[in-house]
Amino acid sequence: MLSWKPVPADAAVVAPDERLSWPRTIGIGAQHVVAMFGATFLVPVLTGFPPSTTLLFSGIGTIAFLLITGNRLPSYLGSSFAVIAPVIAAVGSHGTGSALGGLVVLGVVLIAIGAVVSLVGTHWIDVILPPVVTGAIVALIGFNLAPAAKANFEKGPVVGLVTLVLLVAILAFFRGLIGRLAIFLAVVIGYLLALAMGDVDTAAISSAAWIGLPDFATPTFHLSVLPLFLPAVIALVAENIGHVKSVAQMTGRDLDPITGRALMADGLATVFAGAGGGSATTTYAENIGVMAATRVYSTAAYWIAAAVAVVLSLCPKVGAVISAIPPGVLGGATVVLYGLVGILGVRIWLTNHVDFSRPVNQMTAAIPLIIGIADFTWRIGDLTFTGISLGSIAALGVYHGMRLLTAARDAAGRGASE
């Protein structure tokens, strides 16, 4: 399984089971690490998790993903933005351990969904979670985080604004790999500006060792926080299925049969991360961008990327540098990133041609978005349902409830006419 057919350097396309020379493959793998780095390290910084631990499980998760998918599906598993809100809420109520327990349960649910998909396909997901529902839930997950972006931005508005403007400018001006690295480059420049302004605490960086193991943590399980994490399952399912379809389209190969494996692999990677102190994982659009730009789809490059991530995680100095990113820089970056998570939901609507002239679609989108953005909260005993949970429940309830009522009306109308 771990063998690739060598192809010449001028090959127009490098398939998943092919590779360039090892020096070139190592270079491509390093590009994938850089591409995912900007978004992956922001998640632990924003949630308070150790960056080195998250990076370690990101690399381990990628290796597990490649093995479970039979080395046929090129992908890097970075940190998922879908879990930021539930993690922050869980940490605030029951501590870091409860958030890790939520991630473990999230991974187990994703594994179960992947197993069902492997047996019966994805049609049942389309029935239960049609695009209008999936889009609404993914959108509200992103927009629910708007207050968090504002809070960070206001702690350093100057560097936040510079970071935000640079990110947009790089995306607009540069194409190819540099454009794909807009998040990473904007954060680095914002970081350096904050350093020059004296807004970075370098004490932890100076005292950190060059070589050492990451900090690990143990999950705990609290029933009250589990509802916070279930909506993130929908986002991870959508991201993984979208990744499989994107790679299949780019490579011209039928990858539908391994969709279930991809879901199970991501679920297992998330279980590993939650069990050790890292964050939930997901496939990354940034790495899709690198493949599209280079036309190199070799899974060998992803093995290199995973190995580089693991090596970097064993350098506490790197983790300390990441942890010292000032809030203002994070605020500038997350104004874009959280917004993009929301826009991903809108993109699901557009891609699937959701008809918003239909009342059922209007209500399915409108009600959950207001609930999610306003962050409605409802407590029932020890259970706490936040805006994301309630919005997700509303999306499912409104869509299927209105469809059932419409079907009952039509059946009654037919009965009366007879």
Protein backbone atom coordinates (compact mmCIF):
# COMPACT_ATOMS: atom_id res chain seq x y z
CA MET A 1 0.00 0.00 0.00
CA LEU A 2 2.84 2.40 0.83
CA SER A 3 4.37 2.41 -2.63
CA TRP A 4 4.17 5.00 -5.37
CA LYS A 5 5.08 4.91 -9.04
CA PRO A 6 7.87 7.46 -9.77
CA VAL A 7 7.01 9.97 -12.50
CA PRO A 8 9.20 12.59 -14.24
CA ALA A 9 9.43 16.13 -12.90
CA ASP A 10 7.59 17.52 -15.93
CA ALA A 11 4.54 15.28 -15.45
CA ALA A 12 1.37 17.33 -16.03
CA VAL A 13 -0.51 15.54 -13.23
CA VAL A 14 0.78 13.38 -10.38
CA ALA A 15 -1.89 10.88 -9.27
CA PRO A 16 -2.40 9.73 -5.65
CA ASP A 17 -0.50 6.48 -6.30
CA GLU A 18 2.38 8.30 -8.05
CA ARG A 19 5.16 10.55 -6.81
CA LEU A 20 7.85 12.91 -8.01
CA SER A 21 11.45 12.47 -6.88
CA TRP A 22 11.76 12.36 -3.10
CA PRO A 23 13.38 15.83 -2.85
CA ARG A 24 10.48 17.33 -4.81
CA THR A 25 7.95 15.30 -2.82
CA ILE A 26 9.46 16.58 0.43
CA GLY A 27 9.15 20.14 -0.89
CA ILE A 28 5.48 19.63 -1.78
CA GLY A 29 4.85 18.06 1.64
CA ALA A 30 6.41 21.08 3.34
CA GLN A 31 4.08 23.34 1.32
CA HIS A 32 1.11 21.43 2.71
CA VAL A 33 2.36 21.99 6.27
CA VAL A 34 2.72 25.72 5.67
CA ALA A 35 -0.70 25.87 3.98
CA MET A 36 -2.50 24.26 6.92
CA PHE A 37 -0.38 25.89 9.62
CA GLY A 38 -2.10 29.27 9.74
CA ALA A 39 -5.57 27.88 10.40
CA THR A 40 -4.54 24.81 12.41
CA PHE A 41 -2.60 26.70 15.08
CA LEU A 42 -5.30 29.34 15.51
CA VAL A 43 -7.77 26.81 16.91
CA PRO A 44 -5.70 25.79 19.97
CA VAL A 45 -4.70 29.40 20.61
CA LEU A 46 -8.35 30.50 20.55
CA THR A 47 -9.55 27.61 22.73
CA GLY A 48 -6.62 27.51 25.16
CA PHE A 49 -5.37 24.08 24.09
CA PRO A 50 -1.59 23.49 23.79
CA PRO A 51 -0.59 24.18 20.14
CA SER A 52 2.13 21.52 20.15
CA THR A 53 -0.32 18.85 21.31
CA THR A 54 -2.82 19.82 18.62
CA LEU A 55 -0.07 19.77 16.00
CA LEU A 56 1.06 16.30 17.16
CA PHE A 57 -2.42 14.82 16.85
CA SER A 58 -2.91 16.61 13.56
CA GLY A 59 0.08 14.69 12.19
CA ILE A 60 -0.98 11.40 13.81
CA GLY A 61 -4.53 11.90 12.55
CA THR A 62 -3.28 12.44 9.00
CA ILE A 63 -1.32 9.19 9.15
CA ALA A 64 -4.40 7.33 10.42
CA PHE A 65 -6.50 8.90 7.66
CA LEU A 66 -4.09 7.80 4.94
CA LEU A 67 -3.94 4.25 6.31
CA ILE A 68 -7.71 3.84 6.75
CA THR A 69 -8.48 5.20 3.27
CA GLY A 70 -6.02 2.75 1.75
CA ASN A 71 -3.57 5.49 0.76
CA ARG A 72 -6.04 6.48 -2.00
CA LEU A 73 -7.34 9.81 -0.71
CA PRO A 74 -4.81 12.66 -0.34
CA SER A 75 -5.69 14.79 2.67
CA TYR A 76 -4.20 16.61 5.62
CA LEU A 77 -6.26 16.71 8.83
CA GLY A 78 -6.01 20.12 10.47
CA SER A 79 -7.92 21.66 13.36
CA SER A 80 -11.65 22.13 12.84
CA PHE A 81 -13.16 25.58 13.39
CA ALA A 82 -16.55 23.93 13.91
CA VAL A 83 -15.62 23.01 17.49
CA ILE A 84 -14.33 26.38 18.71
CA ALA A 85 -17.66 27.56 20.17
CA PRO A 86 -18.55 24.29 21.96
CA VAL A 87 -15.01 23.92 23.31
CA ILE A 88 -15.00 27.46 24.72
CA ALA A 89 -18.43 26.89 26.30
CA ALA A 90 -17.41 23.51 27.76
CA VAL A 91 -14.14 24.85 29.18
CA GLY A 92 -16.03 27.73 30.77
CA SER A 93 -18.55 25.46 32.48
CA HIS A 94 -16.64 22.29 33.39
CA GLY A 95 -12.99 22.79 32.46
CA THR A 96 -10.70 21.56 29.70
CA GLY A 97 -11.30 17.88 30.45
CA SER A 98 -14.99 18.18 29.66
CA ALA A 99 -14.20 19.78 26.30
CA LEU A 100 -11.87 16.90 25.47
CA GLY A 101 -14.60 14.45 26.47
CA GLY A 102 -16.95 16.22 24.10
CA LEU A 103 -14.42 15.83 21.30
CA VAL A 104 -14.08 12.10 21.99
CA VAL A 105 -17.87 11.67 21.77
CA LEU A 106 -17.90 13.79 18.62
CA GLY A 107 -15.32 11.47 17.05
CA VAL A 108 -17.25 8.34 18.05
CA VAL A 109 -20.44 9.71 16.45
CA LEU A 110 -18.50 10.52 13.28
CA ILE A 111 -17.10 6.97 13.21
CA ALA A 112 -20.63 5.56 13.53
CA ILE A 113 -21.87 7.74 10.67
CA GLY A 114 -18.93 6.63 8.54
CA ALA A 115 -19.73 2.98 9.26
CA VAL A 116 -23.33 3.46 8.14
CA VAL A 117 -22.18 5.31 5.01
CA SER A 118 -19.85 2.43 4.17
CA LEU A 119 -22.80 0.02 4.36
CA VAL A 120 -25.62 1.96 2.71
CA GLY A 121 -24.08 5.04 1.06
CA THR A 122 -24.79 8.74 1.64
CA HIS A 123 -28.39 9.00 0.41
CA TRP A 124 -29.81 8.81 3.95
CA ILE A 125 -27.70 11.82 4.93
CA ASP A 126 -29.25 13.81 2.07
CA VAL A 127 -32.73 12.84 3.32
CA ILE A 128 -32.13 13.72 6.97
CA LEU A 129 -29.79 16.63 6.27
CA PRO A 130 -30.73 18.21 2.95
CA PRO A 131 -28.56 21.12 1.75
CA VAL A 132 -30.83 23.80 3.20
CA VAL A 133 -30.46 22.26 6.68
CA THR A 134 -26.73 21.55 6.38
CA GLY A 135 -26.06 25.04 5.05
CA ALA A 136 -28.00 26.67 7.87
CA ILE A 137 -26.16 24.71 10.57
CA VAL A 138 -22.70 25.31 9.10
CA ALA A 139 -23.49 29.02 8.65
CA LEU A 140 -24.71 29.53 12.21
CA ILE A 141 -21.62 27.78 13.60
CA GLY A 142 -19.46 30.46 11.99
CA PHE A 143 -21.65 33.48 12.69
CA ASN A 144 -22.15 32.41 16.31
CA LEU A 145 -18.45 33.16 16.85
CA ALA A 146 -18.72 36.82 15.81
CA PRO A 147 -18.60 38.11 19.44
CA ALA A 148 -15.39 36.14 20.06
CA ALA A 149 -13.74 37.76 17.02
CA LYS A 150 -14.85 41.20 18.22
CA ALA A 151 -13.53 40.61 21.76
CA ASN A 152 -10.05 39.70 20.47
CA PHE A 153 -10.00 42.52 17.92
CA GLU A 154 -10.76 45.15 20.54
CA LYS A 155 -7.77 44.04 22.64
CA GLY A 156 -5.41 45.20 19.88
CA PRO A 157 -7.28 47.14 17.21
CA VAL A 158 -4.19 48.48 15.43
CA VAL A 159 -2.49 45.14 14.79
CA GLY A 160 -5.93 43.60 14.28
CA LEU A 161 -6.74 46.03 11.50
CA VAL A 162 -3.32 45.58 9.90
CA THR A 163 -3.73 41.78 9.99
CA LEU A 164 -7.22 41.99 8.52
CA VAL A 165 -6.23 44.39 5.72
CA LEU A 166 -3.14 42.36 4.84
CA LEU A 167 -5.12 39.14 4.69
CA VAL A 168 -7.62 40.65 2.27
CA ALA A 169 -4.90 42.37 0.22
CA ILE A 170 -2.83 39.20 -0.18
CA LEU A 171 -5.89 37.26 -1.28
CA ALA A 172 -6.77 39.96 -3.81
CA PHE A 173 -3.29 40.60 -5.22
CA PHE A 174 -1.57 37.21 -5.24
CA ARG A 175 -2.55 34.02 -6.99
CA GLY A 176 -1.37 30.45 -6.52
CA LEU A 177 0.48 29.38 -3.40
CA ILE A 178 1.05 32.87 -1.95
CA GLY A 179 -2.66 33.59 -2.16
CA ARG A 180 -3.38 30.28 -0.43
CA LEU A 181 -1.03 31.31 2.38
CA ALA A 182 -2.81 34.60 3.02
CA ILE A 183 -3.86 33.64 6.57
CA PHE A 184 -0.37 32.47 7.50
CA LEU A 185 1.41 35.50 6.00
CA ALA A 186 -1.00 38.05 7.47
CA VAL A 187 -0.71 36.53 10.94
CA VAL A 188 3.11 36.43 10.73
CA ILE A 189 3.31 40.09 9.67
CA GLY A 190 0.78 41.13 12.31
CA TYR A 191 2.76 39.15 14.89
CA LEU A 192 5.99 40.93 13.92
CA LEU A 193 4.27 44.32 14.12
CA ALA A 194 2.95 43.51 17.59
CA LEU A 195 6.45 42.36 18.57
CA ALA A 196 7.91 45.67 17.40
CA MET A 197 5.23 47.53 19.39
CA GLY A 198 6.11 45.55 22.52
CA ASP A 199 2.76 43.79 22.67
CA VAL A 200 4.17 40.24 22.74
CA ASP A 201 5.15 38.51 25.99
CA THR A 202 8.37 36.71 25.03
CA ALA A 203 9.20 35.30 28.47
CA ALA A 204 7.62 31.91 27.77
CA ILE A 205 9.35 31.73 24.38
CA SER A 206 12.77 32.35 25.93
CA SER A 207 12.29 29.73 28.64
CA ALA A 208 10.84 27.02 26.35
CA ALA A 209 13.08 24.07 25.47
CA TRP A 210 13.98 23.22 21.89
CA ILE A 211 13.11 19.54 22.26
CA GLY A 212 10.43 17.98 24.43
CA LEU A 213 7.09 16.22 24.52
CA PRO A 214 3.85 18.20 24.23
CA ASP A 215 1.55 18.62 27.22
CA PHE A 216 -1.10 15.90 27.37
CA ALA A 217 -4.48 16.02 29.11
CA THR A 218 -7.17 13.50 30.05
CA PRO A 219 -10.80 13.83 28.94
CA THR A 220 -13.70 13.82 31.38
CA PHE A 221 -17.30 13.27 30.42
CA HIS A 222 -20.19 15.51 31.47
CA LEU A 223 -23.63 14.90 30.04
CA SER A 224 -24.44 18.60 30.24
CA VAL A 225 -21.84 19.62 27.63
CA LEU A 226 -22.41 16.88 25.06
CA PRO A 227 -25.27 18.67 23.24
CA LEU A 228 -22.82 21.48 22.51
CA PHE A 229 -20.74 19.24 20.26
CA LEU A 230 -23.36 17.38 18.24
CA PRO A 231 -23.98 20.17 15.67
CA ALA A 232 -20.26 20.09 14.84
CA VAL A 233 -20.78 16.53 13.57
CA ILE A 234 -22.86 17.92 10.72
CA ALA A 235 -20.11 20.37 9.76
CA LEU A 236 -17.47 17.63 9.81
CA VAL A 237 -19.65 15.33 7.69
CA ALA A 238 -20.18 18.11 5.16
CA GLU A 239 -16.46 18.96 5.06
CA ASN A 240 -15.34 15.37 4.60
CA ILE A 241 -17.89 14.54 1.91
CA GLY A 242 -17.01 17.78 0.15
CA HIS A 243 -13.32 16.87 0.28
CA VAL A 244 -13.92 13.43 -1.24
CA LYS A 245 -15.97 14.94 -4.06
CA SER A 246 -13.38 17.67 -4.71
CA VAL A 247 -10.48 15.22 -4.93
CA ALA A 248 -12.53 12.88 -7.13
CA GLN A 249 -13.30 15.74 -9.50
CA MET A 250 -9.66 16.86 -9.66
CA THR A 251 -8.21 13.38 -10.15
CA GLY A 252 -10.97 11.92 -12.32
CA ARG A 253 -11.33 8.92 -10.01
CA ASP A 254 -14.42 7.44 -8.40
CA LEU A 255 -13.80 7.91 -4.67
CA ASP A 256 -17.39 7.54 -3.47
CA PRO A 257 -16.75 3.99 -2.20
CA ILE A 258 -14.26 5.30 0.37
CA THR A 259 -16.43 8.18 1.66
CA GLY A 260 -17.39 6.10 4.69
CA ARG A 261 -13.75 5.31 5.38
CA ALA A 262 -12.90 9.01 5.21
CA LEU A 263 -15.56 9.82 7.80
CA MET A 264 -14.44 6.99 10.08
CA ALA A 265 -10.80 8.06 9.71
CA ASP A 266 -11.57 11.65 10.65
CA GLY A 267 -13.66 10.40 13.57
CA LEU A 268 -10.83 8.20 14.81
CA ALA A 269 -8.35 11.07 14.48
CA THR A 270 -10.68 13.26 16.55
CA VAL A 271 -10.98 10.53 19.21
CA PHE A 272 -7.16 10.33 19.38
CA ALA A 273 -6.92 14.10 19.73
CA GLY A 274 -9.62 14.37 22.39
CA ALA A 275 -8.08 11.51 24.37
CA GLY A 276 -4.69 13.23 24.51
CA GLY A 277 -5.41 16.95 24.68
CA GLY A 278 -5.63 18.06 21.04
CA SER A 279 -8.45 19.54 19.01
CA ALA A 280 -10.92 17.93 16.59
CA THR A 281 -9.60 17.37 13.08
CA THR A 282 -11.01 17.87 9.61
CA THR A 283 -9.93 17.91 5.98
CA TYR A 284 -8.60 21.27 4.82
CA ALA A 285 -9.56 23.47 1.89
CA GLU A 286 -6.09 25.05 2.08
CA ASN A 287 -4.54 21.73 1.07
CA ILE A 288 -7.09 21.30 -1.71
CA GLY A 289 -5.79 24.65 -2.94
CA VAL A 290 -2.18 23.44 -2.93
CA MET A 291 -3.19 20.35 -4.94
CA ALA A 292 -5.12 22.48 -7.41
CA ALA A 293 -2.15 24.83 -7.83
CA THR A 294 0.53 22.15 -8.20
CA ARG A 295 -1.60 19.36 -9.76
CA VAL A 296 0.29 16.99 -7.46
CA TYR A 297 -2.17 14.65 -5.73
CA SER A 298 0.40 12.17 -4.46
CA THR A 299 -0.37 10.80 -1.01
CA ALA A 300 3.39 10.56 -0.49
CA ALA A 301 3.44 14.34 0.01
CA TYR A 302 0.90 13.98 2.81
CA TRP A 303 2.99 11.38 4.58
CA ILE A 304 5.82 13.92 4.50
CA ALA A 305 3.49 16.66 5.78
CA ALA A 306 2.32 14.45 8.66
CA ALA A 307 5.91 13.62 9.60
CA VAL A 308 6.91 17.31 9.57
CA ALA A 309 3.93 18.18 11.81
CA VAL A 310 4.92 15.50 14.33
CA VAL A 311 8.55 16.71 14.36
CA LEU A 312 7.47 20.35 14.89
CA SER A 313 5.20 19.27 17.74
CA LEU A 314 8.25 17.94 19.58
CA CYS A 315 9.75 21.44 19.72
CA PRO A 316 8.22 23.32 22.71
CA LYS A 317 9.81 26.51 21.38
CA VAL A 318 7.46 26.38 18.37
CA GLY A 319 4.46 25.90 20.65
CA ALA A 320 5.52 28.84 22.82
CA VAL A 321 5.86 31.11 19.79
CA ILE A 322 2.36 30.14 18.66
CA SER A 323 0.86 30.58 22.13
CA ALA A 324 2.27 34.12 22.33
CA ILE A 325 0.23 35.42 19.37
CA PRO A 326 -1.41 38.64 20.62
CA PRO A 327 -5.23 38.84 20.81
CA GLY A 328 -5.33 41.69 18.31
CA VAL A 329 -3.70 39.58 15.62
CA LEU A 330 -6.13 36.77 16.36
CA GLY A 331 -9.01 39.21 16.17
CA GLY A 332 -7.99 40.42 12.72
CA ALA A 333 -7.61 36.89 11.40
CA THR A 334 -10.78 35.51 12.95
CA VAL A 335 -12.97 38.28 11.56
CA VAL A 336 -12.19 36.62 8.23
CA LEU A 337 -12.02 32.99 9.32
CA TYR A 338 -15.24 32.91 11.32
CA GLY A 339 -16.98 34.75 8.55
CA LEU A 340 -15.70 32.21 6.03
CA VAL A 341 -17.15 29.36 8.10
CA GLY A 342 -20.49 31.13 7.88
CA ILE A 343 -20.09 31.71 4.14
CA LEU A 344 -19.31 28.01 3.72
CA GLY A 345 -22.90 27.35 4.76
CA VAL A 346 -24.11 29.87 2.18
CA ARG A 347 -21.93 28.15 -0.41
CA ILE A 348 -23.68 24.85 0.36
CA TRP A 349 -26.99 26.55 -0.48
CA LEU A 350 -25.64 27.99 -3.72
CA THR A 351 -23.89 24.82 -4.87
CA ASN A 352 -27.07 22.80 -4.36
CA HIS A 353 -29.36 25.47 -5.88
CA VAL A 354 -31.55 25.79 -2.79
CA ASP A 355 -34.79 27.54 -3.81
CA PHE A 356 -35.46 30.32 -1.28
CA SER A 357 -38.78 31.20 -2.86
CA ARG A 358 -40.17 28.19 -1.00
CA PRO A 359 -41.40 28.97 2.55
CA VAL A 360 -39.93 25.74 3.96
CA ASN A 361 -36.45 26.77 2.86
CA GLN A 362 -36.93 30.35 4.01
CA MET A 363 -37.95 29.30 7.52
CA THR A 364 -35.29 26.56 7.74
CA ALA A 365 -32.58 29.15 7.13
CA ALA A 366 -34.02 32.25 8.83
CA ILE A 367 -34.97 30.88 12.24
CA PRO A 368 -31.75 28.95 13.02
CA LEU A 369 -29.53 31.84 11.91
CA ILE A 370 -31.16 34.27 14.34
CA ILE A 371 -31.01 31.71 17.15
CA GLY A 372 -27.36 30.96 16.43
CA ILE A 373 -26.15 34.53 15.93
CA ALA A 374 -27.98 35.82 19.02
CA ASP A 375 -26.75 32.72 20.93
CA PHE A 376 -30.05 31.77 22.53
CA THR A 377 -29.52 29.57 25.61
CA TRP A 378 -31.90 27.08 27.21
CA ARG A 379 -31.15 25.04 30.33
CA ILE A 380 -33.01 21.86 31.21
CA GLY A 381 -31.70 20.45 34.46
CA ASP A 382 -28.01 19.78 33.98
CA LEU A 383 -28.23 20.13 30.18
CA THR A 384 -27.35 23.41 28.54
CA PHE A 385 -28.37 24.10 24.95
CA THR A 386 -26.56 27.07 23.39
CA GLY A 387 -27.32 28.94 20.19
CA ILE A 388 -25.54 26.40 18.02
CA SER A 389 -27.39 23.45 19.55
CA LEU A 390 -30.77 25.18 19.53
CA GLY A 391 -30.23 26.52 16.03
CA SER A 392 -29.36 23.06 14.74
CA ILE A 393 -32.42 21.55 16.41
CA ALA A 394 -34.51 24.35 14.92
CA ALA A 395 -33.16 23.72 11.41
CA LEU A 396 -34.06 20.04 11.59
CA GLY A 397 -37.40 20.62 13.33
CA VAL A 398 -38.57 23.41 11.04
CA TYR A 399 -37.62 21.63 7.81
CA HIS A 400 -39.03 18.20 8.60
CA GLY A 401 -41.97 19.62 10.54
CA MET A 402 -43.07 21.88 7.70
CA ARG A 403 -42.67 19.07 5.18
CA LEU A 404 -44.83 16.75 7.29
CA LEU A 405 -47.50 19.42 7.69
CA THR A 406 -47.44 20.15 3.96
CA ALA A 407 -47.76 16.44 3.16
CA ALA A 408 -50.69 16.13 5.61
CA ARG A 409 -52.39 19.15 4.02
CA ASP A 410 -51.97 17.72 0.53
CA ALA A 411 -53.26 14.31 1.64
CA ALA A 412 -56.30 15.94 3.26
CA GLY A 413 -56.91 17.93 0.09
CA ARG A 414 -56.78 14.82 -2.07
CA GLY A 415 -59.15 13.03 0.33
CA ALA A 416 -61.65 15.88 0.19
CA SER A 417 -61.57 16.00 -3.60
CA GLU A 418 -62.31 12.29 -3.81
